[in-house]
Amino acid sequence: MKTNLKKRSELVYGGPERMPNRSLLKAMGYTDKDITQPFVGIANSWNEIVPGHIHLNELAKYVKKGVSAVNATPVEFNTIAICDGIAMGHEGMKTPLISREVIADSVELMAMAHGFDALILMASCDKIEPGMMMAAARTNIPSIFINGGPMLTGFALGKMLTLGDAFESVGMYYSGKISLEDLKIIENNACPGCGSCAGLYTANSMAILIEALGMSLPGSSTAPAVSGKRREFAKKTGELIVNILENDIKPRDILTYEAFENAIAVDMSMGASSNSVLHLLAIANEAGVKLEIDDFDKMSSKVPHIADLLPGGKYAVWQLDQVGGIPLIFKKLRKLGIINENVLTVTGKTLKQNLEEFKLPSLEDKEIVKDPESPIRKTGTLVILKGNLAPEGAVIKIAGLPNLVHEGNAVVFDSEEDAFKAISKNMIKPGDVVVIRYEGPKGGPGMREMLSVTSALVGAGLGTSVALITDGRFSGATRGFMVGHVAPEAALGGPIAIVKNGDRIIIDAIKKKIELKVSDDEIKNRFKEWNPPETKYKYGALAKYQSFVTSASKGAILKIPKA
């Protein structure tokens, strides 16, 4: 091992003047040998409230074995993790996006305070993964990410089940389509064990996109949480950290514009979560990469939809893993010449070298991943819409949508709760355009996901005959004609703030337009009578976030005002 690998930790623990620091380490059982080795911080988001994280304490043991095997010293610490599924449908849903910033801050502060030479970032679930990646980009310490792996699917009532089915079954129950007994059966079987929820929801989407960025081991993002492969990847991740240190490979060496293009291409090919737009923009911002919402639109027109994954398709993420995972997706897309194969990855090799070395399983299934020549759809699965209702843009996921155009009359709500009550009482009719506003990053605050609302619509059989528009956002489990991230948001005086019941709205995902059929003069007159609502959050985390958060079109990042 090279002797200059303790560049950071030597400043904290080396020399006579740092004797007190070493003494504190020895209070915890660290030996002289431990202290002379490189310090590898293991940021772990384990807790006992999130199924994607409940096993990470066990997985960390394998990571630490790998670190110790290469003569480095593993130092595990924790950060928070919020379960979006549990937070869903109530005031608690304002917190997960805010937690992304708290997680990034906490990892950054721990790394700065304790002089870690390298970081291994362990997480599953929606905001924790991008939060850790933001910290990696911010600190720019040699780092590797490993996720906790996808959950397996449940099975009951003659079909495969995921968390998405659990949410949609609520709408089915309220519309009289299933009994209370069936609802209980789904409750007991939809989530069979640990891991991030089984479909290509936000948690698995972000794990996959972090692999696509080159920040985790090839093939690692899709290995099931309960599999031996997951433990093997954990140990290999620990072993790889010294190689990254020796070659001084830092996150910003990997997180280039070209790497983000690769990730967006994978995103568009798979039907990944619309939240990926927010999170990739936020990670790029921390890495100093000029990524814009229009970059997603450009890639969408070039990339075919080839992976038939839930919620817009048929298959779960563990099934994608069986046929080759993300290396298979890359190998399919490289035929189109849209993949940057010379980008650097955490292996120390280029993407091209990784793909040449990765052995695909012999059981390739072209039902799960199609060939680009015969795709599910010729264009990507996320579409950026613009128009007088969303001048800065809005996002729609079109995976699984039979129709890409919807025109109807607005039914307007100023909160998610009011919309859910109306849907539960069967007040929404085919053809309507449900508008939910004041749920954006600043207006919410926290930009709540609308899975309870969208699932209620789908469960009631309205998923394709009703459109929903919001300045909030959606769970990765959402499906149907749903438009989120409308920017500017209502709280900032975006046009969505002055929509009235009965206004005609047209959404065209082919022409990439979202239009309010009201004259410019009428819009101006309505704004003369509009006043932003007063926030009820005067102190605490939500108030601080509300003060500094930017538009969804910028990734809902925090900006400190210049003095």
Foldseek 3Di string as FASTA:
>chain_A
DDQCLLVQQCVQCNDPVNVVVVVVVVVVPDDPQQSSFAEEEEEAAADDPALQRVCRVVLLVLLQLLQVVQSHHYDYDYDHDDHLLVCPDDLSLLPLQLSLQVLLVVVLVVCNVNRHQEYEYEEFDASNLLSVLLNQLQNQHHYAYAYLAAFAWFDDPHDTAWVLCLLLVVLLVLLPNDDPVVNVVNVVTGGDGGRHIWFLWRRLLSLQLCVLLQRAAFLRSHAHNPDPVVSVSSSVRSNLRVVCSVVVPTPLLRREPLSLLRSLLLCQQALHFPLVLLSSLSSCVSNVYPDFPVSSQVSQAQHFHFFQIPPLHDHTSNVCSLFRRVLVVVVLCVVSVRHDQQGAHSNRHTNVVSSVPDDTDPPHDSVRGPHLVDGPGVGTQKFWADDLQFPLTKIWGCRNAPDQKAKAWEDEDAALNVLLVCLSVVVDDFRYEYEYALQACQSVPRQGANSSNQSSCVSSVRQARYEYEYCGGHISNGGGRYMYLRPPGLLVPRLSVQGDTGFMWMGGRVVRYTYTPDDPVVSVVSSVVDDHDDDPDDDDSSNVLSVFFDGSSSSRDGDDDDD
